[in-house]
Amino acid sequence: MNDAQTETKFQFEPTTVAEIVRGLDPIDWVDLRLAARLTPAQRVLAGMSAQAFAMAALRGTFRKRFPELSLAELNMRVLRYVTSVQMGEI
């Protein structure tokens, strides 16, 4: 038996698909084509660069709001903020 025979297909109802995609940004086809040309390692590196940029932007925002905090305290605040988004509050 090959993979095609063992694979079960699940189809969503059109209304379910509409609910899933409602509110999503439109597809950026140029960006998608550029990403498709990248190697897996380049995609990971691009993601890591985007994360570093977002963390630096957040750190800058916190620095403006809390100028009295040290760099270590700002970094901990950024980490706490990002971790709560990724892991959820306990």
Protein backbone atom coordinates (compact mmCIF):
# COMPACT_ATOMS: atom_id res chain seq x y z
CA MET A 1 0.00 0.00 0.00
CA ASN A 2 1.43 3.39 -0.92
CA ASP A 3 1.01 6.76 0.81
CA ALA A 4 -1.74 7.85 -1.56
CA GLN A 5 -3.86 4.84 -0.60
CA THR A 6 -3.38 5.22 3.17
CA GLU A 7 -3.88 8.96 3.25
CA THR A 8 -7.34 10.04 4.34
CA LYS A 9 -8.61 13.34 3.06
CA PHE A 10 -10.61 15.72 5.19
CA GLN A 11 -12.60 18.47 3.55
CA PHE A 12 -13.89 21.55 5.33
CA GLU A 13 -17.28 23.00 4.58
CA PRO A 14 -17.10 26.33 2.69
CA THR A 15 -18.59 28.17 5.67
CA THR A 16 -15.88 26.75 7.94
CA VAL A 17 -13.16 27.88 5.54
CA ALA A 18 -14.73 31.34 5.38
CA GLU A 19 -14.67 31.54 9.19
CA ILE A 20 -11.02 30.47 9.33
CA VAL A 21 -9.80 33.03 6.79
CA ARG A 22 -11.99 35.92 7.95
CA GLY A 23 -9.78 38.68 9.28
CA LEU A 24 -6.54 37.35 7.79
CA ASP A 25 -4.40 39.70 5.74
CA PRO A 26 -4.38 39.09 1.98
CA ILE A 27 -1.59 36.89 0.61
CA ASP A 28 1.57 38.75 -0.38
CA TRP A 29 2.43 36.74 -3.51
CA VAL A 30 5.75 38.51 -4.11
CA ASP A 31 6.92 37.74 -0.58
CA LEU A 32 5.68 34.17 -0.89
CA ARG A 33 7.65 33.64 -4.12
CA LEU A 34 10.78 35.10 -2.54
CA ALA A 35 10.43 32.85 0.51
CA ALA A 36 9.93 29.80 -1.72
CA ARG A 37 13.36 30.38 -3.28
CA LEU A 38 15.12 30.32 0.10
CA THR A 39 16.80 27.23 1.47
CA PRO A 40 15.40 25.90 4.76
CA ALA A 41 18.41 27.37 6.59
CA GLN A 42 17.80 30.77 5.00
CA ARG A 43 14.14 30.63 6.05
CA VAL A 44 15.13 29.90 9.64
CA LEU A 45 17.64 32.74 9.56
CA ALA A 46 15.00 35.11 8.17
CA GLY A 47 12.63 34.12 10.97
CA MET A 48 15.31 34.62 13.60
CA SER A 49 16.13 38.04 12.14
CA ALA A 50 12.46 39.02 12.25
CA GLN A 51 12.25 37.89 15.87
CA ALA A 52 15.37 39.86 16.81
CA PHE A 53 13.91 42.95 15.12
CA ALA A 54 10.60 42.57 16.97
CA MET A 55 12.38 42.09 20.31
CA ALA A 56 14.54 45.18 19.70
CA ALA A 57 11.45 47.22 18.81
CA LEU A 58 9.71 46.05 21.97
CA ARG A 59 12.82 46.82 24.03
CA GLY A 60 12.88 50.33 22.55
CA THR A 61 9.21 50.83 23.43
CA PHE A 62 9.84 49.70 27.00
CA ARG A 63 12.92 51.95 27.22
CA LYS A 64 10.72 54.96 26.38
CA ARG A 65 8.04 53.92 28.89
CA PHE A 66 10.47 52.97 31.65
CA PRO A 67 13.63 55.07 31.27
CA GLU A 68 14.70 54.24 34.83
CA LEU A 69 15.15 50.51 34.11
CA SER A 70 18.57 49.02 33.41
CA LEU A 71 19.23 47.06 30.21
CA ALA A 72 18.98 43.79 32.16
CA GLU A 73 15.61 44.84 33.61
CA LEU A 74 14.37 45.86 30.16
CA ASN A 75 15.45 42.51 28.74
CA MET A 76 13.63 40.66 31.52
CA ARG A 77 10.50 42.72 30.85
CA VAL A 78 10.73 41.89 27.13
CA LEU A 79 11.22 38.20 27.92
CA ARG A 80 8.26 38.19 30.29
CA TYR A 81 6.07 39.92 27.69
CA VAL A 82 7.06 37.57 24.86
CA THR A 83 6.84 34.44 27.01
CA SER A 84 3.33 35.29 28.17
CA VAL A 85 2.28 35.66 24.53
CA GLN A 86 3.82 32.34 23.49
CA MET A 87 3.06 30.22 26.55
CA GLY A 88 0.00 31.87 28.05
CA GLU A 89 -0.36 32.99 31.64
CA ILE A 90 -0.49 30.30 34.30
